[in-house]
Amino acid sequence: MQKLIIFYLLIITSVACSQKKEFYNDYTASIKAFQDNLNLEFSDKKESPLTEEGLKKFKSLDFFPIDSTYRIKATFEIEKNQETFEMPTTTERLPIYKTYGKATFTIDGKELVLHVYQNQELIKKDEYKNHLFIPFTDTTNGNETYEGGRFIDLEIPNGNTIVIDFNTAYNPYCAYNHKYSCPIPPKENYLNIAIKAGVKAYKK
C-alpha cells in the first residue's frame, strides 16, 4: 500500500512539474513576443520615438531577464470617490486622468500599493475604453532604469484582483527623445524596492 501511495505521489508531482514547466514556457514566450513587438516598433521609422541618430544605431532595447515572480496577482479596490485631476508631464501639457482604483500586493515580504489611473481622453476610443495605466517609480531609477520612472498598461479587471506584470514595464518616450511630453509618475506610486523586470535604461 505504501509503495502504491508513493507511486501516485510521484505521478502527481510529475504532472505538477510538467504543468509548471508548460506555464513557464508559455509565459516566457508571451513576454518574449511583447519584447519583440517593442523592438519592431522602435525599429520602424514611422512609429519609433527614437531620434534620427538613435534610429540608425538601434538594434534592440535592453531588458531585464524574464522573471515570472514579477507577474503579480494584486488585490484590486475600485476608488469609491473617483476624482479627475491634471497629471503633470515633462512639458506644460496637463492631460486629464481619473484615479480609478488601487492595487495592493507583496514582493519580498513588503506590502506595496500602486494607484491605477484612467486617461479620460483615451477611453473615448473604443479600443481603449477598458484601458488602465500605472506610472511608477522604484529604487532602480537613475541607475538600471530610466530616472523618470516606467509605465504599465492593463485593462479593467473582472472582480477584486488584477494582474500587474512588471515584465511588461516600459519607458516613456521621453527616455528616448526630449520632443515628447510624458506623464510624471505621482509620488504615491513610488515603490521602495528594486523592480528588476521590464525595460532597462536606454543607452544612447
N, C-alpha and C. Protein backbone atom coordinates (compact mmCIF):
# COMPACT_ATOMS: atom_id res chain seq x y z
N MET A 1 0.83 -1.20 0.00
CA MET A 1 0.00 0.00 0.00
C MET A 1 0.87 1.26 0.00
N GLN A 2 1.92 1.24 0.84
CA GLN A 2 2.81 2.39 0.95
C GLN A 2 3.49 2.66 -0.39
N LYS A 3 3.89 1.58 -1.08
CA LYS A 3 4.54 1.73 -2.38
C LYS A 3 3.58 2.35 -3.39
N LEU A 4 2.28 1.94 -3.27
CA LEU A 4 1.26 2.46 -4.18
C LEU A 4 1.05 3.96 -3.96
N ILE A 5 1.03 4.38 -2.70
CA ILE A 5 0.87 5.80 -2.37
C ILE A 5 2.04 6.61 -2.91
N ILE A 6 3.25 6.08 -2.70
CA ILE A 6 4.44 6.76 -3.19
C ILE A 6 4.40 6.87 -4.71
N PHE A 7 3.92 5.78 -5.37
CA PHE A 7 3.81 5.77 -6.82
C PHE A 7 2.89 6.88 -7.31
N TYR A 8 1.70 7.00 -6.66
CA TYR A 8 0.74 8.04 -7.05
C TYR A 8 1.27 9.44 -6.76
N LEU A 9 1.99 9.58 -5.67
CA LEU A 9 2.59 10.87 -5.34
C LEU A 9 3.60 11.29 -6.39
N LEU A 10 4.37 10.30 -6.87
CA LEU A 10 5.36 10.59 -7.91
C LEU A 10 4.67 11.02 -9.20
N ILE A 11 3.54 10.38 -9.51
CA ILE A 11 2.79 10.74 -10.72
C ILE A 11 2.25 12.17 -10.59
N ILE A 12 1.66 12.48 -9.43
CA ILE A 12 1.10 13.81 -9.19
C ILE A 12 2.18 14.87 -9.28
N THR A 13 3.34 14.57 -8.66
CA THR A 13 4.46 15.52 -8.69
C THR A 13 4.96 15.72 -10.10
N SER A 14 5.03 14.62 -10.86
CA SER A 14 5.49 14.69 -12.25
C SER A 14 4.54 15.53 -13.09
N VAL A 15 3.23 15.34 -12.91
CA VAL A 15 2.23 16.11 -13.65
C VAL A 15 2.32 17.58 -13.28
N ALA A 16 2.45 17.85 -11.96
CA ALA A 16 2.55 19.24 -11.49
C ALA A 16 3.77 19.93 -12.08
N CYS A 17 4.90 19.22 -12.09
CA CYS A 17 6.13 19.79 -12.64
C CYS A 17 5.99 20.05 -14.14
N SER A 18 5.32 19.11 -14.82
CA SER A 18 5.10 19.26 -16.25
C SER A 18 4.23 20.47 -16.55
N GLN A 19 3.16 20.64 -15.74
CA GLN A 19 2.26 21.78 -15.93
C GLN A 19 2.98 23.09 -15.63
N LYS A 20 3.82 23.06 -14.57
CA LYS A 20 4.58 24.26 -14.21
C LYS A 20 5.55 24.64 -15.31
N LYS A 21 6.22 23.64 -15.87
CA LYS A 21 7.16 23.87 -16.95
C LYS A 21 6.44 24.42 -18.17
N GLU A 22 5.26 23.87 -18.45
CA GLU A 22 4.47 24.33 -19.60
C GLU A 22 4.06 25.78 -19.41
N PHE A 23 3.65 26.13 -18.17
CA PHE A 23 3.26 27.52 -17.87
C PHE A 23 4.44 28.45 -18.11
N TYR A 24 5.61 28.09 -17.57
CA TYR A 24 6.78 28.95 -17.72
C TYR A 24 7.19 29.09 -19.17
N ASN A 25 7.08 28.00 -19.94
CA ASN A 25 7.43 28.07 -21.37
C ASN A 25 6.48 29.00 -22.11
N ASP A 26 5.17 28.86 -21.84
CA ASP A 26 4.17 29.71 -22.48
C ASP A 26 4.33 31.15 -22.04
N TYR A 27 4.57 31.33 -20.74
CA TYR A 27 4.71 32.68 -20.20
C TYR A 27 5.94 33.37 -20.78
N THR A 28 7.05 32.68 -20.79
CA THR A 28 8.28 33.23 -21.35
C THR A 28 8.08 33.62 -22.81
N ALA A 29 7.38 32.78 -23.54
CA ALA A 29 7.12 33.05 -24.95
C ALA A 29 6.26 34.31 -25.12
N SER A 30 5.28 34.48 -24.22
CA SER A 30 4.40 35.65 -24.32
C SER A 30 5.15 36.94 -24.04
N ILE A 31 6.05 36.92 -23.06
CA ILE A 31 6.84 38.12 -22.74
C ILE A 31 7.86 38.38 -23.84
N LYS A 32 8.41 37.31 -24.38
CA LYS A 32 9.36 37.47 -25.49
C LYS A 32 8.65 38.11 -26.69
N ALA A 33 7.41 37.73 -26.92
CA ALA A 33 6.63 38.33 -28.01
C ALA A 33 6.39 39.81 -27.74
N PHE A 34 6.13 40.16 -26.48
CA PHE A 34 5.96 41.57 -26.09
C PHE A 34 7.24 42.35 -26.38
N GLN A 35 8.37 41.78 -26.04
CA GLN A 35 9.66 42.43 -26.28
C GLN A 35 9.94 42.57 -27.77
N ASP A 36 9.64 41.54 -28.53
CA ASP A 36 9.85 41.57 -29.98
C ASP A 36 9.00 42.66 -30.63
N ASN A 37 7.76 42.80 -30.17
CA ASN A 37 6.87 43.82 -30.72
C ASN A 37 7.39 45.22 -30.41
N LEU A 38 7.93 45.41 -29.20
CA LEU A 38 8.52 46.70 -28.85
C LEU A 38 9.70 47.01 -29.76
N ASN A 39 10.54 46.02 -29.96
CA ASN A 39 11.71 46.22 -30.83
C ASN A 39 11.30 46.53 -32.26
N LEU A 40 10.22 45.89 -32.73
CA LEU A 40 9.72 46.18 -34.08
C LEU A 40 9.23 47.62 -34.18
N GLU A 41 8.53 48.06 -33.15
CA GLU A 41 8.03 49.43 -33.12
C GLU A 41 9.20 50.42 -33.15
N PHE A 42 10.21 50.15 -32.35
CA PHE A 42 11.34 51.07 -32.25
C PHE A 42 12.22 51.08 -33.51
N SER A 43 12.17 50.00 -34.26
CA SER A 43 12.98 49.93 -35.48
C SER A 43 12.24 50.46 -36.70
N ASP A 44 10.93 50.74 -36.53
CA ASP A 44 10.11 51.26 -37.62
C ASP A 44 10.18 52.78 -37.64
N LYS A 45 10.67 53.32 -38.73
CA LYS A 45 10.88 54.77 -38.83
C LYS A 45 9.59 55.55 -38.60
N LYS A 46 8.45 54.98 -39.02
CA LYS A 46 7.18 55.68 -38.90
C LYS A 46 6.64 55.68 -37.46
N GLU A 47 7.01 54.68 -36.66
CA GLU A 47 6.47 54.54 -35.31
C GLU A 47 7.48 54.83 -34.21
N SER A 48 8.74 54.75 -34.52
CA SER A 48 9.79 54.84 -33.50
C SER A 48 9.85 56.22 -32.83
N PRO A 49 10.01 56.24 -31.48
CA PRO A 49 10.20 57.51 -30.78
C PRO A 49 11.66 57.97 -30.81
N LEU A 50 12.53 57.14 -31.37
CA LEU A 50 13.95 57.45 -31.38
C LEU A 50 14.27 58.65 -32.28
N THR A 51 15.33 59.33 -31.94
CA THR A 51 15.82 60.39 -32.81
C THR A 51 16.37 59.76 -34.08
N GLU A 52 16.59 60.57 -35.08
CA GLU A 52 17.13 60.04 -36.34
C GLU A 52 18.47 59.34 -36.10
N GLU A 53 19.30 59.94 -35.26
CA GLU A 53 20.60 59.35 -34.95
C GLU A 53 20.43 58.05 -34.16
N GLY A 54 19.49 58.07 -33.20
CA GLY A 54 19.25 56.88 -32.39
C GLY A 54 18.72 55.73 -33.21
N LEU A 55 17.88 56.04 -34.19
CA LEU A 55 17.29 55.00 -35.05
C LEU A 55 18.36 54.31 -35.89
N LYS A 56 19.35 55.06 -36.33
CA LYS A 56 20.43 54.48 -37.13
C LYS A 56 21.24 53.46 -36.32
N LYS A 57 21.39 53.72 -35.03
CA LYS A 57 22.20 52.86 -34.16
C LYS A 57 21.39 51.72 -33.53
N PHE A 58 20.07 51.83 -33.59
CA PHE A 58 19.23 50.90 -32.82
C PHE A 58 19.32 49.45 -33.29
N LYS A 59 19.48 48.58 -32.32
CA LYS A 59 19.46 47.14 -32.57
C LYS A 59 18.39 46.46 -31.72
N SER A 60 18.36 46.82 -30.43
CA SER A 60 17.37 46.23 -29.53
C SER A 60 17.32 47.04 -28.24
N LEU A 61 16.14 47.05 -27.61
CA LEU A 61 16.03 47.61 -26.27
C LEU A 61 16.70 46.65 -25.30
N ASP A 62 17.07 47.17 -24.15
CA ASP A 62 17.73 46.35 -23.13
C ASP A 62 16.69 45.96 -22.09
N PHE A 63 16.54 44.67 -21.87
CA PHE A 63 15.54 44.16 -20.94
C PHE A 63 16.19 43.42 -19.78
N PHE A 64 15.52 43.46 -18.63
CA PHE A 64 15.90 42.56 -17.53
C PHE A 64 15.55 41.13 -17.95
N PRO A 65 16.20 40.12 -17.38
CA PRO A 65 15.80 38.74 -17.66
C PRO A 65 14.33 38.53 -17.30
N ILE A 66 13.63 37.77 -18.11
CA ILE A 66 12.21 37.49 -17.84
C ILE A 66 12.09 36.71 -16.54
N ASP A 67 11.27 37.21 -15.63
CA ASP A 67 11.14 36.61 -14.30
C ASP A 67 9.66 36.60 -13.91
N SER A 68 9.07 35.40 -13.87
CA SER A 68 7.64 35.28 -13.59
C SER A 68 7.26 35.70 -12.17
N THR A 69 8.24 35.82 -11.27
CA THR A 69 7.91 36.26 -9.91
C THR A 69 7.47 37.73 -9.90
N TYR A 70 7.75 38.43 -11.00
CA TYR A 70 7.29 39.82 -11.12
C TYR A 70 5.95 39.92 -11.83
N ARG A 71 5.32 38.79 -12.05
CA ARG A 71 3.94 38.77 -12.51
C ARG A 71 3.08 38.65 -11.25
N ILE A 72 2.52 39.77 -10.84
CA ILE A 72 1.88 39.86 -9.53
C ILE A 72 0.36 39.81 -9.64
N LYS A 73 -0.25 38.98 -8.82
CA LYS A 73 -1.71 39.00 -8.69
C LYS A 73 -2.04 39.85 -7.47
N ALA A 74 -2.55 41.05 -7.72
CA ALA A 74 -2.78 42.01 -6.65
C ALA A 74 -4.26 42.10 -6.28
N THR A 75 -4.51 42.49 -5.05
CA THR A 75 -5.87 42.80 -4.63
C THR A 75 -6.24 44.15 -5.22
N PHE A 76 -7.38 44.20 -5.89
CA PHE A 76 -7.78 45.44 -6.56
C PHE A 76 -9.02 46.04 -5.92
N GLU A 77 -8.94 47.31 -5.62
CA GLU A 77 -10.06 48.02 -4.99
C GLU A 77 -10.39 49.26 -5.83
N ILE A 78 -11.61 49.32 -6.33
CA ILE A 78 -12.05 50.47 -7.11
C ILE A 78 -12.22 51.66 -6.18
N GLU A 79 -11.72 52.81 -6.61
CA GLU A 79 -11.83 54.04 -5.83
C GLU A 79 -13.30 54.42 -5.67
N LYS A 80 -13.73 54.63 -4.45
CA LYS A 80 -15.14 54.96 -4.20
C LYS A 80 -15.49 56.35 -4.72
N ASN A 81 -14.61 57.30 -4.46
CA ASN A 81 -14.84 58.67 -4.94
C ASN A 81 -13.81 58.99 -6.02
N GLN A 82 -14.10 58.52 -7.22
CA GLN A 82 -13.16 58.69 -8.32
C GLN A 82 -13.10 60.16 -8.74
N GLU A 83 -11.92 60.75 -8.57
CA GLU A 83 -11.75 62.15 -8.90
C GLU A 83 -10.83 62.30 -10.12
N THR A 84 -11.18 63.26 -10.97
CA THR A 84 -10.31 63.57 -12.11
C THR A 84 -9.30 64.64 -11.68
N PHE A 85 -8.16 64.62 -12.32
CA PHE A 85 -7.11 65.57 -11.99
C PHE A 85 -6.20 65.76 -13.20
N GLU A 86 -5.43 66.82 -13.17
CA GLU A 86 -4.46 67.09 -14.23
C GLU A 86 -3.13 66.45 -13.84
N MET A 87 -2.70 65.49 -14.64
CA MET A 87 -1.44 64.82 -14.32
C MET A 87 -0.27 65.63 -14.89
N PRO A 88 0.70 65.98 -14.06
CA PRO A 88 1.88 66.72 -14.55
C PRO A 88 2.64 65.89 -15.58
N THR A 89 3.24 66.59 -16.53
CA THR A 89 4.05 65.95 -17.55
C THR A 89 5.39 66.66 -17.65
N THR A 90 6.21 66.20 -18.55
CA THR A 90 7.53 66.81 -18.74
C THR A 90 7.45 68.12 -19.51
N THR A 91 6.25 68.48 -19.95
CA THR A 91 6.03 69.77 -20.60
C THR A 91 4.87 70.47 -19.89
N GLU A 92 4.32 71.49 -20.51
CA GLU A 92 3.19 72.21 -19.90
C GLU A 92 1.86 71.49 -20.12
N ARG A 93 1.87 70.44 -20.90
CA ARG A 93 0.65 69.67 -21.17
C ARG A 93 0.14 69.04 -19.87
N LEU A 94 -1.18 69.09 -19.65
CA LEU A 94 -1.78 68.54 -18.44
C LEU A 94 -2.98 67.66 -18.81
N PRO A 95 -2.72 66.42 -19.17
CA PRO A 95 -3.81 65.51 -19.52
C PRO A 95 -4.68 65.19 -18.31
N ILE A 96 -5.96 64.94 -18.58
CA ILE A 96 -6.91 64.64 -17.51
C ILE A 96 -6.97 63.14 -17.26
N TYR A 97 -6.71 62.78 -16.02
CA TYR A 97 -6.79 61.38 -15.59
C TYR A 97 -7.79 61.25 -14.45
N LYS A 98 -8.24 60.03 -14.26
CA LYS A 98 -9.09 59.70 -13.12
C LYS A 98 -8.37 58.65 -12.28
N THR A 99 -8.40 58.81 -10.96
CA THR A 99 -7.87 57.76 -10.09
C THR A 99 -8.92 56.66 -10.04
N TYR A 100 -8.65 55.56 -10.76
CA TYR A 100 -9.66 54.51 -10.93
C TYR A 100 -9.70 53.54 -9.74
N GLY A 101 -8.54 53.23 -9.19
CA GLY A 101 -8.50 52.28 -8.08
C GLY A 101 -7.09 52.10 -7.57
N LYS A 102 -6.91 51.11 -6.70
CA LYS A 102 -5.57 50.83 -6.20
C LYS A 102 -5.34 49.33 -6.10
N ALA A 103 -4.09 48.95 -6.30
CA ALA A 103 -3.70 47.55 -6.25
C ALA A 103 -2.74 47.34 -5.08
N THR A 104 -3.02 46.34 -4.27
CA THR A 104 -2.19 46.02 -3.12
C THR A 104 -1.58 44.64 -3.30
N PHE A 105 -0.27 44.52 -3.09
CA PHE A 105 0.41 43.26 -3.33
C PHE A 105 1.67 43.18 -2.48
N THR A 106 2.33 42.05 -2.54
CA THR A 106 3.53 41.82 -1.74
C THR A 106 4.67 41.34 -2.63
N ILE A 107 5.84 41.95 -2.44
CA ILE A 107 7.07 41.48 -3.10
C ILE A 107 8.15 41.40 -2.03
N ASP A 108 8.81 40.26 -1.94
CA ASP A 108 9.88 40.05 -0.96
C ASP A 108 9.44 40.41 0.45
N GLY A 109 8.21 40.08 0.79
CA GLY A 109 7.71 40.31 2.14
C GLY A 109 7.24 41.73 2.41
N LYS A 110 7.35 42.62 1.41
CA LYS A 110 6.92 44.02 1.57
C LYS A 110 5.54 44.21 0.96
N GLU A 111 4.63 44.78 1.75
CA GLU A 111 3.32 45.11 1.20
C GLU A 111 3.42 46.44 0.46
N LEU A 112 3.00 46.44 -0.78
CA LEU A 112 3.13 47.61 -1.63
C LEU A 112 1.79 47.99 -2.24
N VAL A 113 1.67 49.25 -2.59
CA VAL A 113 0.44 49.76 -3.19
C VAL A 113 0.76 50.57 -4.43
N LEU A 114 0.01 50.35 -5.49
CA LEU A 114 0.09 51.17 -6.69
C LEU A 114 -1.30 51.70 -7.02
N HIS A 115 -1.38 52.98 -7.30
CA HIS A 115 -2.65 53.57 -7.72
C HIS A 115 -2.77 53.43 -9.23
N VAL A 116 -3.97 53.14 -9.66
CA VAL A 116 -4.24 52.84 -11.06
C VAL A 116 -5.10 53.98 -11.65
N TYR A 117 -4.71 54.46 -12.81
CA TYR A 117 -5.34 55.64 -13.39
C TYR A 117 -6.00 55.33 -14.75
N GLN A 118 -6.85 56.27 -15.16
CA GLN A 118 -7.56 56.13 -16.42
C GLN A 118 -7.52 57.46 -17.16
N ASN A 119 -6.97 57.45 -18.36
CA ASN A 119 -6.89 58.66 -19.18
C ASN A 119 -8.27 58.96 -19.75
N GLN A 120 -8.81 60.13 -19.40
CA GLN A 120 -10.19 60.44 -19.76
C GLN A 120 -10.40 60.76 -21.24
N GLU A 121 -9.35 61.10 -21.93
CA GLU A 121 -9.45 61.33 -23.36
C GLU A 121 -9.30 60.02 -24.13
N LEU A 122 -8.37 59.20 -23.67
CA LEU A 122 -8.07 57.94 -24.35
C LEU A 122 -9.26 56.98 -24.33
N ILE A 123 -10.00 56.95 -23.23
CA ILE A 123 -11.10 55.97 -23.10
C ILE A 123 -12.29 56.30 -24.01
N LYS A 124 -12.24 57.43 -24.69
CA LYS A 124 -13.30 57.77 -25.65
C LYS A 124 -13.17 56.93 -26.92
N LYS A 125 -11.97 56.36 -27.12
CA LYS A 125 -11.74 55.49 -28.27
C LYS A 125 -12.14 54.07 -27.89
N ASP A 126 -12.88 53.40 -28.78
CA ASP A 126 -13.40 52.06 -28.48
C ASP A 126 -12.33 51.08 -28.05
N GLU A 127 -11.17 51.13 -28.73
CA GLU A 127 -10.12 50.15 -28.42
C GLU A 127 -9.46 50.40 -27.07
N TYR A 128 -9.71 51.57 -26.46
CA TYR A 128 -9.10 51.90 -25.17
C TYR A 128 -10.13 52.11 -24.06
N LYS A 129 -11.36 51.73 -24.29
CA LYS A 129 -12.41 52.01 -23.31
C LYS A 129 -12.20 51.29 -21.97
N ASN A 130 -11.45 50.19 -21.99
CA ASN A 130 -11.16 49.45 -20.76
C ASN A 130 -9.72 49.63 -20.30
N HIS A 131 -9.03 50.59 -20.89
CA HIS A 131 -7.61 50.77 -20.62
C HIS A 131 -7.34 51.42 -19.27
N LEU A 132 -6.35 50.88 -18.55
CA LEU A 132 -5.89 51.45 -17.29
C LEU A 132 -4.38 51.67 -17.40
N PHE A 133 -3.88 52.53 -16.53
CA PHE A 133 -2.50 53.00 -16.66
C PHE A 133 -1.83 53.09 -15.29
N ILE A 134 -0.63 52.51 -15.19
CA ILE A 134 0.15 52.61 -13.96
C ILE A 134 1.51 53.22 -14.27
N PRO A 135 1.73 54.47 -13.90
CA PRO A 135 3.07 55.04 -13.95
C PRO A 135 3.70 54.84 -12.56
N PHE A 136 4.93 54.38 -12.51
CA PHE A 136 5.53 54.11 -11.20
C PHE A 136 7.03 54.39 -11.21
N THR A 137 7.55 54.57 -10.02
CA THR A 137 9.00 54.69 -9.83
C THR A 137 9.43 53.67 -8.79
N ASP A 138 10.72 53.33 -8.80
CA ASP A 138 11.26 52.39 -7.81
C ASP A 138 12.74 52.70 -7.61
N THR A 139 13.41 51.90 -6.83
CA THR A 139 14.79 52.22 -6.45
C THR A 139 15.81 51.98 -7.56
N THR A 140 15.39 51.42 -8.68
CA THR A 140 16.33 51.23 -9.79
C THR A 140 16.45 52.48 -10.66
N ASN A 141 15.53 53.42 -10.51
CA ASN A 141 15.51 54.61 -11.37
C ASN A 141 16.78 55.43 -11.24
N GLY A 142 17.30 55.84 -12.39
CA GLY A 142 18.53 56.63 -12.40
C GLY A 142 19.77 55.78 -12.43
N ASN A 143 19.61 54.48 -12.25
CA ASN A 143 20.74 53.55 -12.32
C ASN A 143 20.48 52.52 -13.43
N GLU A 144 19.75 51.49 -13.08
CA GLU A 144 19.46 50.45 -14.07
C GLU A 144 18.30 50.81 -14.99
N THR A 145 17.42 51.69 -14.50
CA THR A 145 16.26 52.06 -15.30
C THR A 145 16.17 53.58 -15.46
N TYR A 146 15.28 54.00 -16.34
CA TYR A 146 15.11 55.42 -16.64
C TYR A 146 14.76 56.21 -15.38
N GLU A 147 15.42 57.34 -15.20
CA GLU A 147 15.25 58.13 -13.98
C GLU A 147 13.83 58.66 -13.79
N GLY A 148 13.10 58.80 -14.89
CA GLY A 148 11.74 59.33 -14.79
C GLY A 148 10.67 58.30 -14.51
N GLY A 149 11.07 57.06 -14.25
CA GLY A 149 10.09 56.02 -13.96
C GLY A 149 9.65 55.26 -15.20
N ARG A 150 8.75 54.32 -15.00
CA ARG A 150 8.28 53.49 -16.10
C ARG A 150 6.76 53.35 -16.04
N PHE A 151 6.19 52.78 -17.11
CA PHE A 151 4.75 52.66 -17.23
C PHE A 151 4.35 51.20 -17.43
N ILE A 152 3.11 50.89 -17.03
CA ILE A 152 2.50 49.59 -17.32
C ILE A 152 1.07 49.85 -17.80
N ASP A 153 0.69 49.19 -18.89
CA ASP A 153 -0.68 49.26 -19.40
C ASP A 153 -1.42 47.99 -19.00
N LEU A 154 -2.68 48.14 -18.66
CA LEU A 154 -3.51 46.99 -18.32
C LEU A 154 -4.97 47.34 -18.55
N GLU A 155 -5.87 46.39 -18.29
CA GLU A 155 -7.27 46.63 -18.54
C GLU A 155 -8.09 46.43 -17.27
N ILE A 156 -9.30 47.01 -17.28
CA ILE A 156 -10.20 46.88 -16.14
C ILE A 156 -10.45 45.40 -15.87
N PRO A 157 -10.20 44.94 -14.65
CA PRO A 157 -10.36 43.52 -14.35
C PRO A 157 -11.81 43.17 -13.99
N ASN A 158 -12.10 41.89 -14.04
CA ASN A 158 -13.37 41.40 -13.53
C ASN A 158 -13.13 40.90 -12.12
N GLY A 159 -13.79 41.47 -11.14
CA GLY A 159 -13.58 41.03 -9.77
C GLY A 159 -12.62 41.92 -9.01
N ASN A 160 -12.14 41.39 -7.89
CA ASN A 160 -11.33 42.19 -6.96
C ASN A 160 -9.84 41.85 -7.00
N THR A 161 -9.38 41.28 -8.11
CA THR A 161 -7.94 41.06 -8.29
C THR A 161 -7.52 41.57 -9.66
N ILE A 162 -6.25 41.92 -9.76
CA ILE A 162 -5.73 42.41 -11.03
C ILE A 162 -4.28 41.92 -11.18
N VAL A 163 -3.91 41.53 -12.38
CA VAL A 163 -2.56 41.06 -12.63
C VAL A 163 -1.70 42.23 -13.10
N ILE A 164 -0.62 42.48 -12.37
CA ILE A 164 0.36 43.51 -12.75
C ILE A 164 1.64 42.78 -13.14
N ASP A 165 2.01 42.90 -14.39
CA ASP A 165 3.20 42.18 -14.86
C ASP A 165 4.32 43.19 -15.10
N PHE A 166 5.27 43.25 -14.18
CA PHE A 166 6.37 44.19 -14.31
C PHE A 166 7.31 43.84 -15.46
N ASN A 167 7.20 42.62 -15.98
CA ASN A 167 7.99 42.26 -17.15
C ASN A 167 7.55 43.05 -18.38
N THR A 168 6.38 43.67 -18.30
CA THR A 168 5.90 44.49 -19.42
C THR A 168 6.06 45.98 -19.13
N ALA A 169 6.80 46.33 -18.08
CA ALA A 169 7.06 47.74 -17.77
C ALA A 169 7.94 48.35 -18.85
N TYR A 170 7.55 49.51 -19.33
CA TYR A 170 8.29 50.14 -20.43
C TYR A 170 8.59 51.60 -20.10
N ASN A 171 9.54 52.16 -20.82
CA ASN A 171 9.93 53.55 -20.61
C ASN A 171 9.00 54.51 -21.35
N PRO A 172 8.77 55.70 -20.79
CA PRO A 172 8.07 56.73 -21.55
C PRO A 172 8.93 57.17 -22.73
N TYR A 173 8.31 57.70 -23.75
CA TYR A 173 9.05 58.12 -24.94
C TYR A 173 10.11 59.16 -24.61
N CYS A 174 9.91 59.93 -23.52
CA CYS A 174 10.88 60.96 -23.12
C CYS A 174 12.25 60.37 -22.81
N ALA A 175 12.30 59.09 -22.52
CA ALA A 175 13.58 58.43 -22.23
C ALA A 175 14.43 58.35 -23.50
N TYR A 176 13.78 58.48 -24.66
CA TYR A 176 14.47 58.31 -25.93
C TYR A 176 14.59 59.60 -26.73
N ASN A 177 13.65 60.52 -26.47
CA ASN A 177 13.61 61.73 -27.29
C ASN A 177 12.90 62.85 -26.51
N HIS A 178 13.57 63.96 -26.29
CA HIS A 178 13.03 65.05 -25.48
C HIS A 178 11.88 65.81 -26.13
N LYS A 179 11.56 65.50 -27.37
CA LYS A 179 10.47 66.21 -28.03
C LYS A 179 9.09 65.76 -27.53
N TYR A 180 9.06 64.64 -26.80
CA TYR A 180 7.79 64.11 -26.32
C TYR A 180 7.38 64.69 -24.98
N SER A 181 6.08 64.66 -24.73
CA SER A 181 5.51 65.10 -23.45
C SER A 181 5.01 63.85 -22.72
N CYS A 182 5.60 63.56 -21.56
CA CYS A 182 5.30 62.31 -20.87
C CYS A 182 4.79 62.54 -19.45
N PRO A 183 3.81 61.73 -19.02
CA PRO A 183 3.32 61.84 -17.64
C PRO A 183 4.44 61.58 -16.63
N ILE A 184 4.41 62.32 -15.55
CA ILE A 184 5.36 62.12 -14.45
C ILE A 184 4.67 61.28 -13.38
N PRO A 185 5.21 60.12 -13.04
CA PRO A 185 4.55 59.27 -12.05
C PRO A 185 4.31 60.00 -10.73
N PRO A 186 3.08 59.95 -10.22
CA PRO A 186 2.78 60.59 -8.93
C PRO A 186 3.63 60.00 -7.80
N LYS A 187 3.92 60.81 -6.79
CA LYS A 187 4.74 60.36 -5.67
C LYS A 187 4.13 59.15 -4.96
N GLU A 188 2.81 59.06 -4.99
CA GLU A 188 2.13 57.95 -4.31
C GLU A 188 2.43 56.60 -4.98
N ASN A 189 2.98 56.64 -6.18
CA ASN A 189 3.31 55.40 -6.88
C ASN A 189 4.81 55.09 -6.86
N TYR A 190 5.47 55.56 -5.81
CA TYR A 190 6.88 55.19 -5.61
C TYR A 190 6.93 53.87 -4.84
N LEU A 191 7.67 52.91 -5.36
CA LEU A 191 7.86 51.62 -4.70
C LEU A 191 9.26 51.59 -4.10
N ASN A 192 9.33 51.44 -2.80
CA ASN A 192 10.63 51.42 -2.11
C ASN A 192 11.25 50.03 -2.20
N ILE A 193 11.48 49.62 -3.44
CA ILE A 193 12.02 48.29 -3.72
C ILE A 193 12.56 48.32 -5.14
N ALA A 194 13.48 47.44 -5.45
CA ALA A 194 14.04 47.38 -6.80
C ALA A 194 13.20 46.45 -7.67
N ILE A 195 12.58 47.01 -8.71
CA ILE A 195 11.81 46.20 -9.65
C ILE A 195 12.71 45.86 -10.84
N LYS A 196 13.35 44.71 -10.76
CA LYS A 196 14.30 44.29 -11.79
C LYS A 196 13.58 43.45 -12.84
N ALA A 197 12.68 44.12 -13.54
CA ALA A 197 11.91 43.47 -14.61
C ALA A 197 11.51 44.54 -15.61
N GLY A 198 11.28 44.12 -16.84
CA GLY A 198 10.86 45.06 -17.86
C GLY A 198 12.02 45.72 -18.58
N VAL A 199 11.76 46.88 -19.17
CA VAL A 199 12.75 47.58 -19.96
C VAL A 199 13.74 48.33 -19.07
N LYS A 200 15.02 48.23 -19.42
CA LYS A 200 16.07 48.94 -18.68
C LYS A 200 16.26 50.34 -19.26
N ALA A 201 17.20 51.08 -18.69
CA ALA A 201 17.51 52.42 -19.17
C ALA A 201 18.04 52.36 -20.60
N TYR A 202 17.75 53.38 -21.36
CA TYR A 202 18.19 53.47 -22.74
C TYR A 202 19.65 53.93 -22.80
N LYS A 203 20.46 53.18 -23.51
CA LYS A 203 21.87 53.54 -23.68
C LYS A 203 22.06 54.19 -25.03
N LYS A 204 22.35 55.48 -25.02
CA LYS A 204 22.49 56.23 -26.27
C LYS A 204 23.83 55.95 -26.94
